[in-house]
């Protein structure tokens, strides 16, 4: 296989991993900011309070976005397998 083609496939894989994980990280960041603002406003400084809402938001995001994430990864795997057969 051509080294330039391998580099292109590696770049595509990295971009796919970034595109798949970025929405979930974004949800976790937004929920973390909201909880931090609530903690600052209410003077509650318990560090364990921030984890449960963020965990629940990430689980919900994974449930909602899971089929899309799987379809993207499956389509990429199919493209890579078809490219290897050629």
PDB file of N, CA and C in Angstrom:
ATOM      1  N   UNK A   1       0.847  -1.176   0.000  1.00  0.00           N
ATOM      2  CA  UNK A   1       0.000   0.000   0.000  1.00  0.00           C
ATOM      3  C   UNK A   1       0.893   1.240   0.000  1.00  0.00           C
ATOM      4  N   UNK A   2       0.456   2.234  -0.683  1.00  0.00           N
ATOM      5  CA  UNK A   2       1.173   3.492  -0.830  1.00  0.00           C
ATOM      6  C   UNK A   2       1.278   4.218   0.529  1.00  0.00           C
ATOM      7  N   UNK A   3       2.477   4.691   0.912  1.00  0.00           N
ATOM      8  CA  UNK A   3       2.603   5.390   2.201  1.00  0.00           C
ATOM      9  C   UNK A   3       1.731   6.648   2.287  1.00  0.00           C
ATOM     10  N   UNK A   4       1.576   7.354   1.185  1.00  0.00           N
ATOM     11  CA  UNK A   4       0.722   8.548   1.210  1.00  0.00           C
ATOM     12  C   UNK A   4      -0.733   8.167   1.484  1.00  0.00           C
ATOM     13  N   UNK A   5      -1.146   7.024   0.949  1.00  0.00           N
ATOM     14  CA  UNK A   5      -2.509   6.556   1.184  1.00  0.00           C
ATOM     15  C   UNK A   5      -2.694   6.148   2.647  1.00  0.00           C
ATOM     16  N   UNK A   6      -1.668   5.539   3.217  1.00  0.00           N
ATOM     17  CA  UNK A   6      -1.736   5.182   4.636  1.00  0.00           C
ATOM     18  C   UNK A   6      -1.850   6.421   5.520  1.00  0.00           C
ATOM     19  N   UNK A   7      -1.103   7.454   5.191  1.00  0.00           N
ATOM     20  CA  UNK A   7      -1.173   8.707   5.954  1.00  0.00           C
ATOM     21  C   UNK A   7      -2.563   9.319   5.824  1.00  0.00           C
ATOM     22  N   UNK A   8      -3.116   9.276   4.634  1.00  0.00           N
ATOM     23  CA  UNK A   8      -4.465   9.814   4.427  1.00  0.00           C
ATOM     24  C   UNK A   8      -5.497   9.036   5.237  1.00  0.00           C
ATOM     25  N   UNK A   9      -5.377   7.715   5.242  1.00  0.00           N
ATOM     26  CA  UNK A   9      -6.307   6.901   6.029  1.00  0.00           C
ATOM     27  C   UNK A   9      -6.145   7.172   7.520  1.00  0.00           C
ATOM     28  N   UNK A  10      -4.909   7.362   7.971  1.00  0.00           N
ATOM     29  CA  UNK A  10      -4.676   7.675   9.392  1.00  0.00           C
ATOM     30  C   UNK A  10      -5.277   9.031   9.745  1.00  0.00           C
ATOM     31  N   UNK A  11      -5.132  10.005   8.863  1.00  0.00           N
ATOM     32  CA  UNK A  11      -5.737  11.315   9.106  1.00  0.00           C
ATOM     33  C   UNK A  11      -7.256  11.212   9.159  1.00  0.00           C
ATOM     34  N   UNK A  12      -7.830  10.434   8.252  1.00  0.00           N
ATOM     35  CA  UNK A  12      -9.288  10.246   8.260  1.00  0.00           C
ATOM     36  C   UNK A  12      -9.748   9.576   9.551  1.00  0.00           C
ATOM     37  N   UNK A  13      -8.972   8.605  10.035  1.00  0.00           N
ATOM     38  CA  UNK A  13      -9.324   7.929  11.282  1.00  0.00           C
ATOM     39  C   UNK A  13      -9.264   8.891  12.464  1.00  0.00           C
ATOM     40  N   UNK A  14      -8.246   9.736  12.502  1.00  0.00           N
ATOM     41  CA  UNK A  14      -8.138  10.708  13.587  1.00  0.00           C
ATOM     42  C   UNK A  14      -9.265  11.738  13.537  1.00  0.00           C
ATOM     43  N   UNK A  15      -9.600  12.199  12.354  1.00  0.00           N
ATOM     44  CA  UNK A  15     -10.701  13.156  12.223  1.00  0.00           C
ATOM     45  C   UNK A  15     -12.037  12.523  12.611  1.00  0.00           C
ATOM     46  N   UNK A  16     -12.219  11.252  12.251  1.00  0.00           N
ATOM     47  CA  UNK A  16     -13.447  10.551  12.636  1.00  0.00           C
ATOM     48  C   UNK A  16     -13.527  10.407  14.147  1.00  0.00           C
ATOM     49  N   UNK A  17     -12.421  10.040  14.781  1.00  0.00           N
ATOM     50  CA  UNK A  17     -12.453   9.896  16.239  1.00  0.00           C
ATOM     51  C   UNK A  17     -12.750  11.229  16.918  1.00  0.00           C
ATOM     52  N   UNK A  18     -12.217  12.301  16.373  1.00  0.00           N
ATOM     53  CA  UNK A  18     -12.503  13.624  16.917  1.00  0.00           C
ATOM     54  C   UNK A  18     -13.977  13.994  16.720  1.00  0.00           C
ATOM     55  N   UNK A  19     -14.498  13.732  15.526  1.00  0.00           N
ATOM     56  CA  UNK A  19     -15.894  14.070  15.231  1.00  0.00           C
ATOM     57  C   UNK A  19     -16.867  13.241  16.070  1.00  0.00           C
ATOM     58  N   UNK A  20     -16.502  12.016  16.380  1.00  0.00           N
ATOM     59  CA  UNK A  20     -17.400  11.140  17.142  1.00  0.00           C
ATOM     60  C   UNK A  20     -17.399  11.510  18.629  1.00  0.00           C
ATOM     61  N   UNK A  21     -16.257  11.883  19.156  1.00  0.00           N
ATOM     62  CA  UNK A  21     -16.167  12.121  20.595  1.00  0.00           C
ATOM     63  C   UNK A  21     -16.493  13.569  20.978  1.00  0.00           C
ATOM     64  N   UNK A  22     -16.366  14.491  20.047  1.00  0.00           N
ATOM     65  CA  UNK A  22     -16.544  15.905  20.371  1.00  0.00           C
ATOM     66  C   UNK A  22     -17.936  16.260  20.902  1.00  0.00           C
ATOM     67  N   UNK A  23     -19.031  15.737  20.361  1.00  0.00           N
ATOM     68  CA  UNK A  23     -20.340  16.088  20.939  1.00  0.00           C
ATOM     69  C   UNK A  23     -20.499  15.658  22.400  1.00  0.00           C
ATOM     70  N   UNK A  24     -19.978  14.492  22.742  1.00  0.00           N
ATOM     71  CA  UNK A  24     -20.101  14.013  24.121  1.00  0.00           C
ATOM     72  C   UNK A  24     -19.248  14.864  25.059  1.00  0.00           C
ATOM     73  N   UNK A  25     -18.059  15.221  24.623  1.00  0.00           N
ATOM     74  CA  UNK A  25     -17.206  16.088  25.443  1.00  0.00           C
ATOM     75  C   UNK A  25     -17.837  17.469  25.584  1.00  0.00           C
ATOM     76  N   UNK A  26     -18.475  17.948  24.523  1.00  0.00           N
ATOM     77  CA  UNK A  26     -19.154  19.238  24.585  1.00  0.00           C
ATOM     78  C   UNK A  26     -20.287  19.228  25.598  1.00  0.00           C
ATOM     79  N   UNK A  27     -21.059  18.151  25.616  1.00  0.00           N
ATOM     80  CA  UNK A  27     -22.150  18.032  26.593  1.00  0.00           C
ATOM     81  C   UNK A  27     -21.582  18.028  28.012  1.00  0.00           C
ATOM     82  N   UNK A  28     -20.519  17.278  28.224  1.00  0.00           N
ATOM     83  CA  UNK A  28     -19.910  17.222  29.559  1.00  0.00           C
ATOM     84  C   UNK A  28     -19.374  18.590  29.973  1.00  0.00           C
ATOM     85  N   UNK A  29     -18.798  19.315  29.036  1.00  0.00           N
ATOM     86  CA  UNK A  29     -18.256  20.640  29.357  1.00  0.00           C
ATOM     87  C   UNK A  29     -19.363  21.626  29.694  1.00  0.00           C
ATOM     88  N   UNK A  30     -20.438  21.614  28.921  1.00  0.00           N
ATOM     89  CA  UNK A  30     -21.546  22.541  29.175  1.00  0.00           C
ATOM     90  C   UNK A  30     -22.195  22.240  30.526  1.00  0.00           C
ATOM     91  N   UNK A  31     -22.439  20.981  30.792  1.00  0.00           N
ATOM     92  CA  UNK A  31     -23.048  20.624  32.082  1.00  0.00           C
ATOM     93  C   UNK A  31     -22.100  20.975  33.221  1.00  0.00           C
ATOM     94  N   UNK A  32     -20.811  20.764  33.029  1.00  0.00           N
ATOM     95  CA  UNK A  32     -19.841  21.137  34.059  1.00  0.00           C
ATOM     96  C   UNK A  32     -19.845  22.631  34.341  1.00  0.00           C
ATOM     97  N   UNK A  33     -19.953  23.433  33.279  1.00  0.00           N
ATOM     98  CA  UNK A  33     -20.018  24.886  33.479  1.00  0.00           C
ATOM     99  C   UNK A  33     -21.283  25.310  34.205  1.00  0.00           C
ATOM    100  N   UNK A  34     -22.401  24.698  33.852  1.00  0.00           N
ATOM    101  CA  UNK A  34     -23.669  25.030  34.516  1.00  0.00           C
ATOM    102  C   UNK A  34     -23.613  24.664  35.995  1.00  0.00           C
ATOM    103  N   UNK A  35     -23.089  23.480  36.297  1.00  0.00           N
ATOM    104  CA  UNK A  35     -22.992  23.056  37.698  1.00  0.00           C
ATOM    105  C   UNK A  35     -22.009  23.939  38.452  1.00  0.00           C
ATOM    106  N   UNK A  36     -20.915  24.313  37.818  1.00  0.00           N
ATOM    107  CA  UNK A  36     -19.947  25.193  38.475  1.00  0.00           C
ATOM    108  C   UNK A  36     -20.558  26.559  38.768  1.00  0.00           C
ATOM    109  N   UNK A  37     -21.348  27.085  37.836  1.00  0.00           N
ATOM    110  CA  UNK A  37     -22.015  28.369  38.075  1.00  0.00           C
ATOM    111  C   UNK A  37     -23.019  28.241  39.219  1.00  0.00           C
ATOM    112  N   UNK A  38     -23.755  27.128  39.251  1.00  0.00           N
ATOM    113  CA  UNK A  38     -24.705  26.904  40.343  1.00  0.00           C
ATOM    114  C   UNK A  38     -23.977  26.798  41.679  1.00  0.00           C
ATOM    115  N   UNK A  39     -22.852  26.090  41.702  1.00  0.00           N
ATOM    116  CA  UNK A  39     -22.105  25.958  42.947  1.00  0.00           C
ATOM    117  C   UNK A  39     -21.534  27.301  43.399  1.00  0.00           C
ATOM    118  N   UNK A  40     -21.091  28.109  42.459  1.00  0.00           N
ATOM    119  CA  UNK A  40     -20.551  29.422  42.822  1.00  0.00           C
ATOM    120  C   UNK A  40     -21.657  30.332  43.354  1.00  0.00           C
ATOM    121  N   UNK A  41     -22.840  30.229  42.765  1.00  0.00           N
ATOM    122  CA  UNK A  41     -23.946  31.088  43.202  1.00  0.00           C
ATOM    123  C   UNK A  41     -24.522  30.642  44.540  1.00  0.00           C
ATOM    124  N   UNK A  42     -24.509  29.342  44.797  1.00  0.00           N
ATOM    125  CA  UNK A  42     -25.131  28.844  46.021  1.00  0.00           C
ATOM    126  C   UNK A  42     -24.140  28.621  47.161  1.00  0.00           C
ATOM    127  N   UNK A  43     -22.873  28.863  46.925  1.00  0.00           N
ATOM    128  CA  UNK A  43     -21.830  28.692  47.936  1.00  0.00           C
ATOM    129  C   UNK A  43     -21.661  27.243  48.382  1.00  0.00           C
ATOM    130  N   UNK A  44     -22.156  26.284  47.582  1.00  0.00           N
ATOM    131  CA  UNK A  44     -21.949  24.866  47.884  1.00  0.00           C
ATOM    132  C   UNK A  44     -20.665  24.444  47.179  1.00  0.00           C
ATOM    133  N   UNK A  45     -19.648  24.064  47.917  1.00  0.00           N
ATOM    134  CA  UNK A  45     -18.351  23.767  47.334  1.00  0.00           C
ATOM    135  C   UNK A  45     -17.969  22.296  47.450  1.00  0.00           C
ATOM    136  N   UNK A  46     -18.938  21.422  47.478  1.00  0.00           N
ATOM    137  CA  UNK A  46     -18.659  19.994  47.551  1.00  0.00           C
ATOM    138  C   UNK A  46     -18.260  19.491  46.160  1.00  0.00           C
ATOM    139  N   UNK A  47     -17.069  18.947  45.991  1.00  0.00           N
ATOM    140  CA  UNK A  47     -16.634  18.535  44.651  1.00  0.00           C
ATOM    141  C   UNK A  47     -17.396  17.331  44.091  1.00  0.00           C
ATOM    142  N   UNK A  48     -18.037  16.563  44.956  1.00  0.00           N
ATOM    143  CA  UNK A  48     -18.759  15.387  44.453  1.00  0.00           C
ATOM    144  C   UNK A  48     -20.075  15.754  43.788  1.00  0.00           C
ATOM    145  N   UNK A  49     -20.608  16.932  44.074  1.00  0.00           N
ATOM    146  CA  UNK A  49     -21.886  17.343  43.476  1.00  0.00           C
ATOM    147  C   UNK A  49     -21.755  17.497  41.959  1.00  0.00           C
ATOM    148  N   UNK A  50     -20.612  17.898  41.476  1.00  0.00           N
ATOM    149  CA  UNK A  50     -20.432  18.157  40.049  1.00  0.00           C
ATOM    150  C   UNK A  50     -20.392  16.876  39.227  1.00  0.00           C
ATOM    151  N   UNK A  51     -20.081  15.753  39.827  1.00  0.00           N
ATOM    152  CA  UNK A  51     -19.879  14.541  39.039  1.00  0.00           C
ATOM    153  C   UNK A  51     -21.171  13.872  38.585  1.00  0.00           C
ATOM    154  N   UNK A  52     -22.172  13.816  39.424  1.00  0.00           N
ATOM    155  CA  UNK A  52     -23.399  13.107  39.065  1.00  0.00           C
ATOM    156  C   UNK A  52     -24.134  13.738  37.886  1.00  0.00           C
ATOM    157  N   UNK A  53     -24.370  15.047  37.856  1.00  0.00           N
ATOM    158  CA  UNK A  53     -25.047  15.616  36.685  1.00  0.00           C
ATOM    159  C   UNK A  53     -24.244  15.438  35.397  1.00  0.00           C
ATOM    160  N   UNK A  54     -22.934  15.567  35.495  1.00  0.00           N
ATOM    161  CA  UNK A  54     -22.095  15.392  34.313  1.00  0.00           C
ATOM    162  C   UNK A  54     -22.143  13.942  33.832  1.00  0.00           C
ATOM    163  N   UNK A  55     -22.099  12.997  34.754  1.00  0.00           N
ATOM    164  CA  UNK A  55     -22.176  11.588  34.395  1.00  0.00           C
ATOM    165  C   UNK A  55     -23.507  11.263  33.735  1.00  0.00           C
ATOM    166  N   UNK A  56     -24.600  11.768  34.312  1.00  0.00           N
ATOM    167  CA  UNK A  56     -25.917  11.520  33.728  1.00  0.00           C
ATOM    168  C   UNK A  56     -26.054  12.159  32.346  1.00  0.00           C
ATOM    169  N   UNK A  57     -25.510  13.349  32.176  1.00  0.00           N
ATOM    170  CA  UNK A  57     -25.580  14.016  30.873  1.00  0.00           C
ATOM    171  C   UNK A  57     -24.774  13.258  29.826  1.00  0.00           C
ATOM    172  N   UNK A  58     -23.629  12.738  30.204  1.00  0.00           N
ATOM    173  CA  UNK A  58     -22.822  11.961  29.258  1.00  0.00           C
ATOM    174  C   UNK A  58     -23.528  10.655  28.889  1.00  0.00           C
ATOM    175  N   UNK A  59     -24.145  10.007  29.860  1.00  0.00           N
ATOM    176  CA  UNK A  59     -24.885   8.773  29.566  1.00  0.00           C
ATOM    177  C   UNK A  59     -26.040   9.056  28.614  1.00  0.00           C
ATOM    178  N   UNK A  60     -26.774  10.126  28.853  1.00  0.00           N
ATOM    179  CA  UNK A  60     -27.885  10.489  27.965  1.00  0.00           C
ATOM    180  C   UNK A  60     -27.364  10.827  26.571  1.00  0.00           C
ATOM    181  N   UNK A  61     -26.264  11.557  26.504  1.00  0.00           N
ATOM    182  CA  UNK A  61     -25.679  11.900  25.203  1.00  0.00           C
ATOM    183  C   UNK A  61     -25.234  10.646  24.459  1.00  0.00           C
ATOM    184  N   UNK A  62     -24.650   9.690  25.176  1.00  0.00           N
ATOM    185  CA  UNK A  62     -24.233   8.451  24.528  1.00  0.00           C
ATOM    186  C   UNK A  62     -25.419   7.624  24.048  1.00  0.00           C
ATOM    187  N   UNK A  63     -26.500   7.629  24.819  1.00  0.00           N
ATOM    188  CA  UNK A  63     -27.699   6.901  24.392  1.00  0.00           C
ATOM    189  C   UNK A  63     -28.293   7.541  23.143  1.00  0.00           C
ATOM    190  N   UNK A  64     -28.335   8.862  23.119  1.00  0.00           N
ATOM    191  CA  UNK A  64     -28.916   9.561  21.972  1.00  0.00           C
ATOM    192  C   UNK A  64     -28.001   9.495  20.754  1.00  0.00           C
ATOM    193  N   UNK A  65     -26.707   9.721  20.961  1.00  0.00           N
ATOM    194  CA  UNK A  65     -25.767   9.788  19.841  1.00  0.00           C
ATOM    195  C   UNK A  65     -25.132   8.451  19.493  1.00  0.00           C
ATOM    196  N   UNK A  66     -25.361   7.430  20.298  1.00  0.00           N
ATOM    197  CA  UNK A  66     -24.744   6.127  20.063  1.00  0.00           C
ATOM    198  C   UNK A  66     -24.998   5.540  18.684  1.00  0.00           C
ATOM    199  N   UNK A  67     -26.242   5.528  18.213  1.00  0.00           N
ATOM    200  CA  UNK A  67     -26.470   4.982  16.876  1.00  0.00           C
ATOM    201  C   UNK A  67     -25.734   5.752  15.770  1.00  0.00           C
ATOM    202  N   UNK A  68     -25.698   7.069  15.898  1.00  0.00           N
ATOM    203  CA  UNK A  68     -24.968   7.859  14.910  1.00  0.00           C
ATOM    204  C   UNK A  68     -23.473   7.568  14.970  1.00  0.00           C
ATOM    205  N   UNK A  69     -22.947   7.473  16.188  1.00  0.00           N
ATOM    206  CA  UNK A  69     -21.522   7.185  16.349  1.00  0.00           C
ATOM    207  C   UNK A  69     -21.177   5.817  15.760  1.00  0.00           C
ATOM    208  N   UNK A  70     -22.004   4.833  16.040  1.00  0.00           N
ATOM    209  CA  UNK A  70     -21.776   3.492  15.498  1.00  0.00           C
ATOM    210  C   UNK A  70     -21.862   3.464  13.988  1.00  0.00           C
ATOM    211  N   UNK A  71     -22.804   4.210  13.422  1.00  0.00           N
ATOM    212  CA  UNK A  71     -22.946   4.248  11.965  1.00  0.00           C
ATOM    213  C   UNK A  71     -21.729   4.900  11.318  1.00  0.00           C
ATOM    214  N   UNK A  72     -21.218   5.959  11.938  1.00  0.00           N
ATOM    215  CA  UNK A  72     -20.035   6.619  11.392  1.00  0.00           C
ATOM    216  C   UNK A  72     -18.815   5.701  11.433  1.00  0.00           C
ATOM    217  N   UNK A  73     -18.629   5.014  12.539  1.00  0.00           N
ATOM    218  CA  UNK A  73     -17.480   4.114  12.675  1.00  0.00           C
ATOM    219  C   UNK A  73     -17.638   2.920  11.737  1.00  0.00           C
ATOM    220  N   UNK A  74     -18.859   2.400  11.617  1.00  0.00           N
ATOM    221  CA  UNK A  74     -19.099   1.290  10.709  1.00  0.00           C
ATOM    222  C   UNK A  74     -18.868   1.663   9.263  1.00  0.00           C
ATOM    223  N   UNK A  75     -19.307   2.857   8.876  1.00  0.00           N
ATOM    224  CA  UNK A  75     -19.092   3.314   7.498  1.00  0.00           C
ATOM    225  C   UNK A  75     -17.605   3.493   7.213  1.00  0.00           C
ATOM    226  N   UNK A  76     -16.871   3.998   8.195  1.00  0.00           N
ATOM    227  CA  UNK A  76     -15.431   4.155   8.014  1.00  0.00           C
ATOM    228  C   UNK A  76     -14.753   2.792   7.887  1.00  0.00           C
ATOM    229  N   UNK A  77     -15.141   1.848   8.725  1.00  0.00           N
ATOM    230  CA  UNK A  77     -14.558   0.505   8.640  1.00  0.00           C
ATOM    231  C   UNK A  77     -14.863  -0.142   7.301  1.00  0.00           C
ATOM    232  N   UNK A  78     -16.090   0.056   6.805  1.00  0.00           N
ATOM    233  CA  UNK A  78     -16.450  -0.495   5.502  1.00  0.00           C
ATOM    234  C   UNK A  78     -15.603   0.120   4.391  1.00  0.00           C
ATOM    235  N   UNK A  79     -15.401   1.444   4.460  1.00  0.00           N
ATOM    236  CA  UNK A  79     -14.553   2.103   3.454  1.00  0.00           C
ATOM    237  C   UNK A  79     -13.126   1.587   3.502  1.00  0.00           C
ATOM    238  N   UNK A  80     -12.605   1.364   4.703  1.00  0.00           N
ATOM    239  CA  UNK A  80     -11.236   0.875   4.834  1.00  0.00           C
ATOM    240  C   UNK A  80     -11.106  -0.563   4.345  1.00  0.00           C
ATOM    241  N   UNK A  81     -12.104  -1.374   4.620  1.00  0.00           N
ATOM    242  CA  UNK A  81     -12.059  -2.764   4.136  1.00  0.00           C
ATOM    243  C   UNK A  81     -12.180  -2.819   2.619  1.00  0.00           C
ATOM    244  N   UNK A  82     -13.021  -1.974   2.055  1.00  0.00           N
ATOM    245  CA  UNK A  82     -13.149  -1.941   0.584  1.00  0.00           C
ATOM    246  C   UNK A  82     -11.872  -1.427  -0.056  1.00  0.00           C
ATOM    247  N   UNK A  83     -11.202  -0.491   0.593  1.00  0.00           N
ATOM    248  CA  UNK A  83      -9.935   0.030   0.065  1.00  0.00           C
ATOM    249  C   UNK A  83      -8.844  -1.039   0.153  1.00  0.00           C
ATOM    250  N   UNK A  84      -8.898  -1.890   1.183  1.00  0.00           N
ATOM    251  CA  UNK A  84      -7.883  -2.937   1.325  1.00  0.00           C
ATOM    252  C   UNK A  84      -8.073  -4.042   0.303  1.00  0.00           C
ATOM    253  N   UNK A  85      -9.312  -4.250  -0.125  1.00  0.00           N
ATOM    254  CA  UNK A  85      -9.582  -5.320  -1.092  1.00  0.00           C
ATOM    255  C   UNK A  85      -9.078  -4.921  -2.485  1.00  0.00           C
ATOM    256  N   UNK A  86      -9.160  -3.645  -2.785  1.00  0.00           N
ATOM    257  CA  UNK A  86      -8.718  -3.191  -4.120  1.00  0.00           C
ATOM    258  C   UNK A  86      -7.277  -3.391  -4.371  1.00  0.00           C
TER     259      UNK A  86
END
